[in-house]
Protein backbone atom coordinates (compact mmCIF):
# COMPACT_ATOMS: atom_id res chain seq x y z
CA MET A 1 -20.02 -0.69 4.08
CA MET A 2 -16.79 1.30 3.97
CA LYS A 3 -18.69 4.57 3.32
CA LYS A 4 -20.91 3.95 6.32
CA LEU A 5 -17.90 3.36 8.58
CA VAL A 6 -16.25 6.55 7.34
CA PHE A 7 -19.46 8.54 7.96
CA ILE A 8 -19.74 7.21 11.51
CA ALA A 9 -16.07 7.97 12.16
CA ILE A 10 -16.59 11.57 11.02
CA LEU A 11 -19.54 11.97 13.37
CA VAL A 12 -17.55 10.58 16.30
CA LEU A 13 -14.77 13.08 15.66
CA LEU A 14 -17.24 15.93 15.39
CA CYS A 15 -18.88 14.98 18.67
CA SER A 16 -15.83 14.75 20.90
CA PHE A 17 -17.60 17.01 23.42
CA ASP A 18 -20.29 14.41 24.06
CA THR A 19 -20.76 10.68 23.77
CA LEU A 20 -22.48 9.74 20.53
CA ALA A 21 -25.71 7.89 21.21
CA LEU A 22 -27.02 7.45 17.67
CA ALA A 23 -25.79 8.03 14.14
CA SER A 24 -28.61 6.76 12.03
CA SER A 25 -28.85 6.83 8.26
CA HIS A 26 -32.57 7.60 8.68
CA SER A 27 -32.83 11.33 9.31
CA LYS A 28 -35.61 12.77 11.45
CA ALA A 29 -37.41 16.10 11.22
CA PHE A 30 -38.09 18.35 14.20
CA VAL A 31 -39.75 21.74 14.68
CA ALA A 32 -38.25 24.34 17.04
CA GLN A 33 -40.70 25.46 19.73
CA GLN A 34 -38.58 28.53 20.48
CA GLU A 35 -35.59 30.30 18.99
CA LYS A 36 -32.66 27.85 19.05
CA VAL A 37 -28.93 28.46 19.06
CA ILE A 38 -26.92 26.46 16.53
CA PHE A 39 -23.45 25.35 17.62
CA GLN A 40 -20.40 23.99 15.86
CA SER A 41 -17.74 21.80 17.47
CA VAL A 42 -14.32 23.44 17.50
CA ASN A 43 -11.49 21.57 19.23
CA GLY A 44 -13.99 19.69 21.38
CA SER A 45 -15.92 22.79 22.51
CA LEU A 46 -19.30 24.01 21.29
CA ILE A 47 -19.07 27.43 19.67
CA LYS A 48 -22.18 29.46 18.86
CA ALA A 49 -22.41 29.60 15.05
CA GLY A 50 -25.93 30.87 14.37
CA TRP A 51 -29.56 30.53 15.34
CA LEU A 52 -32.88 29.19 14.09
CA LYS A 53 -36.22 30.93 14.55
CA LYS A 54 -39.19 29.43 16.38
CA GLY A 55 -41.35 27.25 14.12
CA GLU A 56 -38.54 26.32 11.72
CA MET A 57 -37.50 22.74 10.95
CA VAL A 58 -34.28 20.77 11.16
CA GLN A 59 -33.29 17.44 9.60
CA THR A 60 -31.05 15.41 11.90
CA VAL A 61 -28.20 13.18 10.75
CA GLY A 62 -27.43 11.84 14.22
CA GLU A 63 -27.54 12.76 17.88
CA THR A 64 -25.57 12.90 21.12
CA ARG A 65 -26.95 12.63 24.64
CA SER A 66 -27.95 16.29 24.68
CA HIS A 67 -27.87 17.52 21.06
CA TYR A 68 -29.17 16.71 17.59
CA ILE A 69 -26.59 16.75 14.79
CA ILE A 70 -27.72 18.64 11.69
CA HIS A 71 -26.31 19.83 8.37
CA PHE A 72 -25.06 23.37 8.85
CA SER A 73 -22.93 25.75 6.76
CA ASP A 74 -20.21 23.60 5.16
CA GLY A 75 -20.33 20.79 7.72
CA TYR A 76 -22.33 19.82 10.78
CA GLY A 77 -24.04 21.75 13.54
CA TYR A 78 -25.59 20.94 16.91
CA VAL A 79 -28.86 22.04 18.50
CA GLY A 80 -30.00 21.22 22.03
CA LYS A 81 -32.75 18.58 22.16
CA ASP A 82 -34.98 20.60 24.46
CA LEU A 83 -37.98 22.41 22.97
CA PHE A 84 -38.02 20.48 19.69
CA THR A 85 -41.03 18.40 18.63
CA PRO A 86 -40.89 15.67 15.96
CA THR A 87 -42.80 16.13 12.72
CA ASN A 88 -43.48 14.07 9.60
CA THR A 89 -44.56 17.11 7.61
CA VAL A 90 -42.13 18.79 5.24
CA LYS A 91 -43.36 22.25 4.27
CA THR A 92 -43.15 23.07 0.58
CA SER A 93 -40.98 26.04 1.50
CA GLN A 94 -38.55 23.76 3.33
CA LYS A 95 -37.54 21.20 0.75
CA MET A 96 -34.70 18.92 1.78
CA VAL A 97 -31.32 19.38 0.20
CA SER A 98 -30.30 16.46 -1.98
CA LYS A 99 -27.31 14.50 -0.69
CA LYS A 100 -25.86 14.79 -4.22
CA THR A 101 -25.95 18.58 -4.28
CA ALA A 102 -22.44 19.84 -4.86
CA SER A 103 -21.04 23.00 -3.31
CA GLN A 104 -20.18 25.74 -5.80
CA LYS A 105 -18.02 27.70 -3.37
CA THR A 106 -17.54 28.44 0.30
CA LEU A 107 -17.87 31.92 1.84
CA THR A 108 -16.98 33.27 5.26
CA SER A 109 -18.79 36.45 6.24
CA ALA A 110 -17.16 39.14 8.35
CA PHE A 111 -20.58 39.92 9.90
CA PRO A 112 -23.67 37.90 10.94
CA ILE A 113 -25.79 37.14 7.88
CA SER A 114 -29.53 36.53 7.73
CA VAL A 115 -30.94 33.33 6.23
CA TYR A 116 -34.28 33.35 4.38
CA ARG A 117 -36.88 30.99 2.98
CA ASN A 118 -39.72 31.60 0.52
CA LYS A 119 -43.01 31.19 2.37
CA GLY A 120 -46.11 31.68 0.26
CA GLY A 121 -44.33 34.06 -2.06
CA LYS A 122 -42.85 36.09 0.79
CA VAL A 123 -39.17 36.07 1.74
CA VAL A 124 -39.01 35.43 5.49
CA GLU A 125 -35.98 35.42 7.77
CA VAL A 126 -35.65 32.00 9.44
CA GLY A 127 -32.28 32.33 11.17
CA LYS A 128 -28.76 33.69 11.08
CA ILE A 129 -25.22 32.50 10.50
CA ASN A 130 -22.66 34.20 12.74
CA GLU A 131 -19.59 36.04 11.57
CA SER A 132 -16.45 33.98 10.82
CA VAL A 133 -18.56 30.86 10.13
CA SER A 134 -17.95 29.28 6.70
CA TYR A 135 -20.97 28.21 4.65
CA ALA A 136 -21.25 26.39 1.34
CA VAL A 137 -23.09 27.99 -1.59
CA ILE A 138 -24.97 25.30 -3.53
CA GLY A 139 -26.81 27.48 -6.03
CA ASP A 140 -26.71 30.92 -7.65
CA TYR A 141 -30.12 32.62 -7.99
CA GLY A 142 -29.34 35.51 -10.30
CA PRO A 143 -28.08 38.90 -9.14
CA ASN A 144 -29.63 38.86 -5.66
CA TRP A 145 -29.49 35.45 -3.98
CA TYR A 146 -27.35 32.43 -3.15
CA GLU A 147 -28.87 29.09 -2.18
CA ILE A 148 -27.41 27.28 0.86
CA ASN A 149 -28.09 24.22 3.01
CA PHE A 150 -29.49 25.46 6.32
CA THR A 151 -30.40 22.77 8.89
CA GLY A 152 -30.91 20.22 6.12
CA TYR A 153 -33.26 22.36 4.01
CA ARG A 154 -32.84 24.76 1.11
CA ALA A 155 -32.52 28.38 2.15
CA PHE A 156 -31.20 31.65 0.73
CA ILE A 157 -28.85 34.48 1.62
CA ALA A 158 -28.86 37.91 0.02
CA LYS A 159 -25.73 38.71 -1.96
CA LYS A 160 -25.94 42.33 -0.81
CA ASP A 161 -25.53 41.19 2.82
CA ILE A 162 -22.28 39.35 2.20
CA LYS A 163 -19.10 41.01 3.34
CA THR A 164 -16.53 38.27 3.18
CA MET A 165 -13.55 37.79 5.47
CA PRO A 166 -10.08 38.61 4.12
CA PRO A 167 -8.20 35.66 2.58
CA LYS A 168 -7.07 33.08 5.10
CA SER A 169 -3.46 33.60 4.07
CA GLU A 170 -2.30 36.11 6.67
CA LYS A 171 1.27 36.51 5.46
CA PRO A 172 1.41 39.47 3.04
CA VAL A 173 4.72 40.95 2.04
CA GLU A 174 3.90 44.60 2.74
CA VAL A 175 1.77 46.79 4.96
CA LEU A 176 -0.27 48.58 2.30
CA GLU A 177 -3.18 50.01 4.25
CA THR A 178 -3.46 53.42 5.85
CA VAL A 179 -3.96 53.53 9.60
CA LEU A 180 -7.43 54.63 10.72
CA PRO A 181 -8.14 56.55 13.95
CA ILE A 182 -8.16 54.43 17.09
CA VAL A 183 -11.64 53.33 18.16
CA PRO A 184 -12.17 53.90 21.92
CA ASN A 185 -12.57 50.62 23.79
CA GLN A 186 -12.16 48.56 20.59
CA ASN A 187 -11.05 45.27 22.06
CA ILE A 188 -10.46 41.97 20.31
CA ILE A 189 -10.02 38.27 21.16
CA THR A 190 -8.10 35.74 19.10
CA VAL A 191 -10.30 32.88 17.89
CA LYS A 192 -7.41 30.52 17.18
CA GLU A 193 -3.65 30.41 17.59
CA THR A 194 -2.57 33.69 16.02
CA PRO A 195 0.75 34.83 14.50
CA ILE A 196 2.08 38.21 15.58
CA TYR A 197 3.86 40.27 12.94
CA MET A 198 6.18 43.25 13.08
CA ASN A 199 6.93 45.69 10.27
CA GLU A 200 10.55 45.50 9.22
CA ASN A 201 11.30 47.98 6.42
CA GLY A 202 7.85 47.64 4.91
CA THR A 203 7.69 43.84 5.19
CA LEU A 204 5.74 41.94 7.82
CA LYS A 205 7.77 39.36 9.67
CA GLU A 206 6.24 36.81 12.05
CA VAL A 207 7.82 37.21 15.49
CA ALA A 208 5.56 35.20 17.80
CA LYS A 209 2.31 33.30 18.21
CA VAL A 210 -0.37 33.81 20.87
CA ASP A 211 -2.94 31.29 22.06
CA LYS A 212 -6.63 31.25 21.22
CA GLY A 213 -8.55 33.46 23.65
CA THR A 214 -5.88 36.17 24.00
CA ARG A 215 -7.36 39.61 24.61
CA TYR A 216 -6.04 42.86 23.17
CA GLN A 217 -7.37 46.20 24.37
CA ASN A 218 -7.75 49.53 22.55
CA VAL A 219 -6.35 48.22 19.28
CA ARG A 220 -5.73 50.45 16.27
CA ASN A 221 -7.57 49.67 13.04
CA TYR A 222 -5.46 49.14 9.91
CA GLY A 223 -8.23 48.95 7.34
CA VAL A 224 -9.64 45.70 6.00
CA ASN A 225 -7.07 43.14 7.09
CA TRP A 226 -5.10 44.23 10.15
CA TYR A 227 -5.18 45.43 13.74
CA GLU A 228 -2.22 47.11 15.37
CA VAL A 229 -1.51 45.64 18.82
CA GLU A 230 1.21 45.86 21.41
CA ASN A 231 3.72 43.02 21.67
CA ASN A 232 6.28 43.31 24.48
CA GLY A 233 5.96 47.08 24.38
CA ALA A 234 6.44 47.33 20.61
CA LYS A 235 4.02 47.95 17.75
CA ALA A 236 2.85 44.71 16.11
CA PHE A 237 0.05 43.44 13.88
CA VAL A 238 -2.53 40.64 13.88
CA CYS A 239 -4.75 39.57 10.99
CA LYS A 240 -8.45 40.30 11.38
CA CYS A 241 -9.13 36.82 10.03
CA LYS A 242 -7.80 35.42 13.32
CA VAL A 243 -9.78 37.57 15.78
CA LYS A 244 -13.25 38.76 16.72
CA VAL A 245 -14.50 41.86 18.51
CA ASP A 246 -14.45 41.37 22.28
CA GLN A 247 -17.96 41.74 23.69
CA GLY A 248 -16.65 42.17 27.25
CA ILE A 249 -16.65 40.23 30.51
CA PRO A 250 -20.03 38.75 31.51
CA VAL A 251 -20.95 39.38 35.15
CA LEU A 252 -23.74 37.03 36.24
CA MET A 253 -26.15 37.92 39.04
CA TYR A 254 -27.82 35.38 41.35
CA HIS A 255 -29.82 35.79 44.56
CA HIS A 256 -31.66 32.76 45.97
CA ILE A 257 -31.43 29.01 45.23
CA LEU A 258 -33.95 26.30 46.12
CA THR A 259 -34.65 22.78 44.92
CA GLN A 260 -37.47 22.47 42.42
CA GLU A 261 -39.77 21.00 45.08
CA GLU A 262 -38.85 23.63 47.67
CA LYS A 263 -39.46 26.45 45.21
CA ALA A 264 -42.78 25.04 43.96
CA ASN A 265 -44.10 24.78 47.53
CA SER A 266 -42.78 28.11 48.77
CA VAL A 267 -43.69 31.77 48.51
CA TYR A 268 -40.86 32.07 45.96
CA ALA A 269 -42.52 29.80 43.39
CA ASN A 270 -42.80 32.66 40.88
CA ALA A 271 -39.85 34.76 42.01
CA SER A 272 -37.64 35.98 39.17
CA THR A 273 -34.61 35.96 41.48
CA THR A 274 -34.89 32.34 42.64
CA VAL A 275 -33.33 29.60 40.51
CA THR A 276 -33.42 25.88 41.23
CA ASP A 277 -30.35 23.98 42.34
CA GLU A 278 -30.56 21.85 39.17
CA GLU A 279 -30.51 24.96 36.97
CA PHE A 280 -27.56 26.38 38.87
CA TYR A 281 -25.63 23.10 38.76
CA ALA A 282 -26.19 22.73 35.01
CA GLN A 283 -24.93 26.28 34.46
CA MET A 284 -21.81 25.66 36.54
CA ASP A 285 -21.28 22.36 34.70
CA TYR A 286 -21.41 24.27 31.43
CA LEU A 287 -18.77 26.73 32.63
CA LYS A 288 -16.52 23.91 33.78
CA GLU A 289 -16.96 21.71 30.70
CA ASN A 290 -16.28 24.65 28.40
CA GLU A 291 -13.19 25.74 30.36
CA TYR A 292 -14.42 29.11 31.61
CA GLU A 293 -12.42 30.83 34.34
CA THR A 294 -14.36 32.49 37.15
CA ILE A 295 -12.40 35.51 38.32
CA THR A 296 -12.62 37.58 41.48
CA ALA A 297 -14.15 41.05 41.58
CA GLN A 298 -10.65 42.38 42.29
CA GLN A 299 -9.40 40.89 39.02
CA LEU A 300 -12.32 42.49 37.23
CA TYR A 301 -11.47 45.85 38.82
CA GLU A 302 -7.90 45.58 37.52
CA PHE A 303 -9.25 44.71 34.07
CA VAL A 304 -11.54 47.74 33.99
CA MET A 305 -8.68 49.96 35.13
CA GLU A 306 -6.51 48.49 32.33
CA LYS A 307 -4.03 47.07 34.82
CA LYS A 308 -4.72 43.46 33.87
CA SER A 309 -5.65 41.42 30.82
CA LEU A 310 -7.98 38.43 31.18
CA PRO A 311 -8.40 35.15 29.27
CA GLY A 312 -11.04 34.94 26.54
CA LYS A 313 -13.30 32.59 28.51
CA THR A 314 -13.83 34.62 31.68
CA VAL A 315 -16.91 35.18 33.81
CA VAL A 316 -17.72 36.83 37.17
CA LEU A 317 -20.27 35.24 39.53
CA THR A 318 -22.13 37.56 41.93
CA PHE A 319 -24.74 36.84 44.61
CA ASP A 320 -26.85 39.64 46.09
CA ASP A 321 -28.22 39.83 49.65
CA GLY A 322 -26.14 37.09 51.40
CA ILE A 323 -28.99 34.54 51.62
CA ASN A 324 -27.98 31.30 53.33
CA SER A 325 -29.37 29.14 50.51
CA THR A 326 -26.22 30.12 48.61
CA GLY A 327 -24.18 28.43 51.31
CA LYS A 328 -26.31 25.31 51.16
CA TYR A 329 -26.53 24.91 47.37
CA ALA A 330 -23.98 27.16 45.62
CA TYR A 331 -20.92 26.88 47.86
CA PRO A 332 -20.32 23.09 47.57
CA LYS A 333 -20.55 23.16 43.77
CA LEU A 334 -18.32 26.21 43.45
CA LYS A 335 -15.74 24.76 45.83
CA ASP A 336 -15.71 21.44 43.97
CA TYR A 337 -14.95 23.23 40.69
CA GLY A 338 -12.45 25.69 42.17
CA PHE A 339 -14.68 28.62 41.20
CA LYS A 340 -14.64 32.11 42.74
CA ALA A 341 -17.58 34.43 43.42
CA ILE A 342 -18.57 37.52 45.42
CA GLN A 343 -21.52 37.98 47.81
CA PHE A 344 -22.98 41.45 48.41
CA ILE A 345 -24.04 41.62 52.06
CA ILE A 346 -26.80 43.58 53.82
CA SER A 347 -24.87 43.97 57.04
CA ASN A 348 -27.73 44.60 59.50
CA ARG A 349 -29.19 41.21 58.50
CA ILE A 350 -26.12 39.23 59.51
CA PRO A 351 -27.29 36.97 62.38
CA GLU A 352 -25.14 36.42 65.46
CA ASN A 353 -25.16 32.65 64.86
CA PRO A 354 -25.88 30.43 61.84
CA GLN A 355 -29.60 30.14 61.19
CA PRO A 356 -31.39 26.92 60.19
CA PHE A 357 -32.27 26.82 56.51
CA ASP A 358 -35.97 27.39 55.76
CA PRO A 359 -37.17 27.40 52.10
CA ASN A 360 -40.16 29.57 53.08
CA LYS A 361 -38.10 32.33 54.68
CA LEU A 362 -35.09 34.40 53.72
CA ARG A 363 -32.32 33.54 56.16
CA PHE A 364 -28.94 35.20 55.93
CA LEU A 365 -25.30 34.17 56.32
CA SER A 366 -23.65 34.64 59.69
CA GLU A 367 -20.10 35.92 60.14
CA GLN A 368 -19.04 32.37 61.00
CA GLU A 369 -20.50 31.00 57.76
CA MET A 370 -18.99 33.80 55.73
CA ALA A 371 -15.56 33.05 57.18
CA GLU A 372 -15.92 29.32 56.54
CA MET A 373 -16.74 29.94 52.87
CA SER A 374 -14.08 32.57 52.22
CA ASP A 375 -12.12 30.10 50.09
CA VAL A 376 -14.82 30.59 47.44
CA PHE A 377 -16.61 33.85 48.27
CA ASP A 378 -15.37 37.39 48.61
CA TYR A 379 -17.78 39.83 50.26
CA GLY A 380 -18.89 43.33 49.31
CA GLY A 381 -21.40 45.91 50.50
CA HIS A 382 -25.15 46.06 49.80
CA THR A 383 -26.04 48.74 52.42
CA HIS A 384 -26.39 48.23 56.18
CA GLY A 385 -30.12 48.84 56.64
CA LEU A 386 -31.32 50.61 53.49
CA HIS A 387 -32.15 47.57 51.37
CA ASN A 388 -35.84 48.48 51.20
CA LEU A 389 -38.36 49.65 48.63
CA VAL A 390 -41.04 52.02 49.94
CA SER A 391 -43.65 53.09 47.39
CA ASN A 392 -41.32 51.67 44.74
CA GLU A 393 -38.52 53.97 45.84
CA SER A 394 -35.24 52.76 47.27
CA ASP A 395 -34.28 53.93 50.75
CA LEU A 396 -30.80 54.52 49.37
CA LEU A 397 -32.25 57.36 47.28
CA SER A 398 -35.08 58.64 49.45
CA LYS A 399 -33.45 58.91 52.88
CA PRO A 400 -31.67 62.12 53.98
CA LYS A 401 -28.01 62.40 53.03
CA GLU A 402 -26.75 62.06 56.59
CA VAL A 403 -28.75 58.82 57.06
CA VAL A 404 -27.43 57.37 53.82
CA MET A 405 -23.82 58.35 54.59
CA GLU A 406 -23.99 56.80 58.06
CA ASP A 407 -25.51 53.62 56.65
CA LEU A 408 -22.83 53.27 53.95
CA LYS A 409 -20.05 53.94 56.44
CA THR A 410 -21.40 51.22 58.72
CA ASN A 411 -21.70 48.78 55.82
CA ARG A 412 -18.14 49.59 54.76
CA GLU A 413 -16.80 49.13 58.29
CA ILE A 414 -18.49 45.75 58.78
CA ILE A 415 -17.78 44.33 55.32
CA THR A 416 -14.04 44.87 55.06
CA ASP A 417 -13.21 42.00 52.69
CA THR A 418 -13.45 44.21 49.58
CA SER A 419 -14.29 47.82 48.75
CA PHE A 420 -16.95 46.79 46.22
CA PHE A 421 -20.68 47.48 46.29
CA ALA A 422 -23.93 46.48 44.56
CA TYR A 423 -26.88 48.89 44.37
CA PRO A 424 -30.03 47.50 46.05
CA PHE A 425 -32.67 46.88 43.36
CA GLY A 426 -30.27 48.53 40.90
CA ARG A 427 -31.43 52.01 42.04
CA TYR A 428 -28.85 54.81 42.17
CA ASN A 429 -28.03 58.28 40.86
CA ASP A 430 -25.05 60.64 40.65
CA THR A 431 -25.41 61.53 44.33
CA THR A 432 -25.24 57.84 45.29
CA ILE A 433 -22.02 57.41 43.32
CA GLN A 434 -20.45 60.39 45.07
CA GLN A 435 -21.52 59.03 48.47
CA LEU A 436 -19.91 55.66 47.70
CA LYS A 437 -16.68 57.39 46.78
CA GLU A 438 -16.70 59.42 49.99
CA VAL A 439 -17.00 56.37 52.25
CA GLY A 440 -14.31 54.41 50.36
CA PHE A 441 -16.15 52.07 47.97
CA THR A 442 -14.08 51.78 44.78
CA MET A 443 -16.34 49.79 42.43
CA SER A 444 -20.07 49.17 42.21
CA PHE A 445 -22.45 47.00 40.21
CA THR A 446 -25.81 47.88 38.69
CA THR A 447 -28.62 45.65 37.40
CA VAL A 448 -28.36 47.20 33.91
CA ASN A 449 -28.03 44.37 31.41
CA GLY A 450 -24.70 44.14 29.61
CA ARG A 451 -21.03 43.27 29.90
CA VAL A 452 -17.94 44.94 31.31
CA GLN A 453 -15.23 46.52 29.17
CA PRO A 454 -11.95 48.23 30.01
CA ASN A 455 -12.45 51.92 30.86
CA ASP A 456 -16.10 51.42 31.77
CA ASP A 457 -17.35 53.66 34.57
CA VAL A 458 -16.20 51.65 37.56
CA TYR A 459 -19.25 52.80 39.57
CA GLN A 460 -21.76 51.69 36.90
CA LEU A 461 -20.72 48.19 35.91
CA LYS A 462 -23.33 46.12 34.11
CA ARG A 463 -24.53 42.63 35.02
CA GLN A 464 -26.86 39.95 33.66
CA ASN A 465 -29.55 38.49 35.90
CA VAL A 466 -29.78 34.72 35.58
CA HIS A 467 -33.54 34.19 35.48
CA PRO A 468 -35.18 30.91 36.43
CA GLY A 469 -36.38 28.69 33.61
CA ILE A 470 -33.77 29.57 30.99
CA SER A 471 -32.36 26.78 28.82
CA ILE A 472 -28.66 25.96 28.82
CA GLU A 473 -28.49 27.45 25.33
CA GLN A 474 -29.88 30.74 26.60
CA PHE A 475 -27.35 30.63 29.43
CA ALA A 476 -24.57 30.01 26.91
CA SER A 477 -25.68 33.03 24.88
CA MET A 478 -25.27 35.21 27.98
CA ILE A 479 -21.57 34.45 28.28
CA GLU A 480 -20.31 33.64 24.79
CA ASP A 481 -19.12 36.20 22.26
C-alpha cells in the first residue's frame, strides 16, 4: 500500500503542468499514427526531450488530461494523446522492459542520439533522444550497442554515436583549455540557473548567477567544457553543461482566421493560410501556459542589430494582409493575454469605414479599427497596390521601377506606425531590397522558413507559416529549441 502511495505521489509531482486524471497500475499500449514529440516535465513546463517515429508503440504508466505518461530515459516522459490508437499486440521486436531491470549507468549526450530496434534482423531507427537529456543504460551489448528503456520497450543506442556531456561539476580549479576561434553568430541560452566564473590568476572564481533562459551572443569557444561570455563588460566563463545552442527567435506568420464551421462552408476550406479560431486559441494558450513572451517587431529589430538581448522564451507574431477576421478572432485573445503582434497592411485595401465581417469574402481593417487595436498590433507595409500575382509573378517584381517606387512610397506614407515591411507572397530580389531602403523601410520579412539570429540580413528575415491542421506538438516544435 505504501509503495502505491509513493508511486502516485511521484506521478503527481511529475505532472504539475496538468491535472492528473489517471495513474493506473495497469499499463496500456498505443501505436503512434504520426511522428510524436516526447516531452519531459522540468519545473512545471514541458520540455521537448525526443521523438518517436510513426508506427512505434508506447506503454503508458498513467495519463493527464492531454498527455500519456510513459517510461522515458531515466524517468518519465509525456506524449500528446492525439493520433495514438490503442493496441493489444506487442511486437516481438518491442518487448516490454521488466520492472525489475536495474540501470547500469546513466549517460547524458551532448548531441541528439538515434534510438534503434531490431525488426526482422534489421536495425531500424525508431526515434531520438535530444541533447542534454539523461538516459539510463540497462544492458551492454558488446562493443557496439547499449540497451535502454525507450517508451516502455527495449531499444538500443550505438556506442559510436555517444558523445557525453562534461561532468556536472562545473567548478574546476584552473582554465586548462586553449581558446578556439570565435564562431560567427554562435549564440547560447542557459537551460538552468547558471554560475558565471571569472579567471583570477589561473583559477575560476564564481562571481554571479544568471537565470534560466539567459541569452549570450557571439560567444567564444573554450574547447570541451567552457564558453567565454561577457559579464558587465568583462571576460567571464559559463560551463557548456548549463547551456544549449540558441536556435534563434521564431517569427510566426498568420493570415486569415475562421471558425471551423465558417471555414468548412467557405471558399477558404482548403486554404493553407486560413487557420481555425480553435487552432489559434490553442496555440496562444500554449504560449501563455509555457510563459513565452511575445515581443514587438521593434524589439526584434534591436535584437538583430545587437542592441538588445531577449529572454529565452521569445516569439514574434505576424499577420499578413490586414484581414478583418484578425480583429474579430485574434485581437480579443491577444489582448486578454497581453500579447503583442504586427500586421502588414496593403494600404489601398483599407476601407473608409469598418466593413461587416463575411467568412466568404476577404474584408480588410479600416483606419478606425487599426487605431482601436493599436494596444496589441503594430502596423507595417505590404505594398499599396502591388499585392498581386499575375502569371505566377509578383507585381512587386514585374512592374517598372518607377511604378514600384511610387507604390512603396505611398505605402510608407500611409503606414507610418513602423518602418517594417513584408514581401507579398515572399517574392523579392536584390533590386526590391534596394528599393525598400530608398523609401525608408528598415526591416523586412520573407516567407523563407527559419528563425532570426543576431546579425541576420535585416531585409531577409525568416518566418514560419502556421499551417492549418497542425497538432499542438507540431506547433511547439516550431518555437522550442
